[in-house]
């Protein structure tokens, strides 16, 4: 859903869609996975804009699939 007042999309529980940790947590809970990630401090070659975020999170499902959902 889109929040006109604040200018962002959110899931039904109110968490922001564009936050990688929120998407990774939802995927991990829905499919029996875990959340993993890295900090930009530890991964200086990551193509993420510094100052906007501090790292990136994703879900690992059944020790087989890496799901990188951020929507």
Protein backbone atom coordinates (compact mmCIF):
# COMPACT_ATOMS: atom_id res chain seq x y z
CA UNK A 1 0.00 0.00 0.00
CA UNK A 2 1.14 3.54 -0.62
CA UNK A 3 1.28 6.06 2.22
CA UNK A 4 0.51 9.43 0.62
CA UNK A 5 1.26 11.36 3.80
CA UNK A 6 4.81 9.99 4.12
CA UNK A 7 5.57 9.15 0.48
CA UNK A 8 6.45 5.44 0.67
CA UNK A 9 5.00 1.98 0.14
CA UNK A 10 4.45 -0.30 3.11
CA UNK A 11 3.45 -3.87 3.84
CA UNK A 12 0.12 -4.63 5.52
CA UNK A 13 1.79 -4.61 8.94
CA UNK A 14 3.04 -1.05 8.39
CA UNK A 15 6.74 -1.80 7.79
CA UNK A 16 8.33 0.00 4.84
CA UNK A 17 8.70 -2.05 1.66
CA UNK A 18 11.93 -0.37 0.56
CA UNK A 19 13.91 -1.49 3.62
CA UNK A 20 15.87 -4.65 2.76
CA UNK A 21 15.74 -6.02 6.32
CA UNK A 22 11.92 -5.82 6.30
CA UNK A 23 11.63 -7.76 3.03
CA UNK A 24 14.25 -10.33 4.07
CA UNK A 25 12.47 -10.89 7.39
CA UNK A 26 9.12 -11.45 5.68
CA UNK A 27 10.61 -13.96 3.21
CA UNK A 28 12.52 -15.81 5.95
CA UNK A 29 9.44 -16.11 8.15
CA UNK A 30 7.17 -17.20 5.28
CA UNK A 31 9.51 -19.86 3.91
CA UNK A 32 11.47 -21.07 6.92
CA UNK A 33 14.68 -19.19 6.24
CA UNK A 34 17.11 -16.91 8.00
CA UNK A 35 18.21 -13.33 7.42
CA UNK A 36 21.83 -12.67 6.48
CA UNK A 37 23.54 -9.52 5.35
CA UNK A 38 26.65 -7.43 5.35
CA UNK A 39 27.73 -3.97 6.39
CA UNK A 40 29.28 -1.54 3.94
CA UNK A 41 32.14 -1.14 6.38
CA UNK A 42 33.04 -4.81 5.86
CA UNK A 43 32.31 -4.85 2.11
CA UNK A 44 33.89 -1.77 0.57
CA UNK A 45 33.29 -3.01 -3.00
CA UNK A 46 29.49 -3.15 -2.58
CA UNK A 47 27.61 -1.02 -5.09
CA UNK A 48 25.39 0.66 -2.50
CA UNK A 49 25.21 4.37 -1.93
CA UNK A 50 26.98 5.24 1.27
CA UNK A 51 25.15 7.67 3.52
CA UNK A 52 21.74 6.28 2.52
CA UNK A 53 22.20 2.80 3.98
CA UNK A 54 24.76 0.98 6.06
CA UNK A 55 24.57 -2.45 4.46
CA UNK A 56 22.25 -4.96 2.87
CA UNK A 57 20.11 -7.85 4.13
CA UNK A 58 18.66 -10.84 2.30
CA UNK A 59 17.05 -14.18 3.15
CA UNK A 60 18.58 -17.65 2.88
CA UNK A 61 15.82 -20.25 2.50
CA UNK A 62 16.36 -23.93 3.28
CA UNK A 63 20.14 -23.55 2.97
CA UNK A 64 19.59 -23.46 -0.77
CA UNK A 65 18.16 -20.19 -2.07
CA UNK A 66 19.33 -16.63 -1.59
CA UNK A 67 16.26 -14.38 -1.86
CA UNK A 68 17.09 -10.70 -2.29
CA UNK A 69 13.73 -9.00 -2.03
CA UNK A 70 13.52 -5.28 -1.58
CA UNK A 71 10.40 -3.87 -3.05
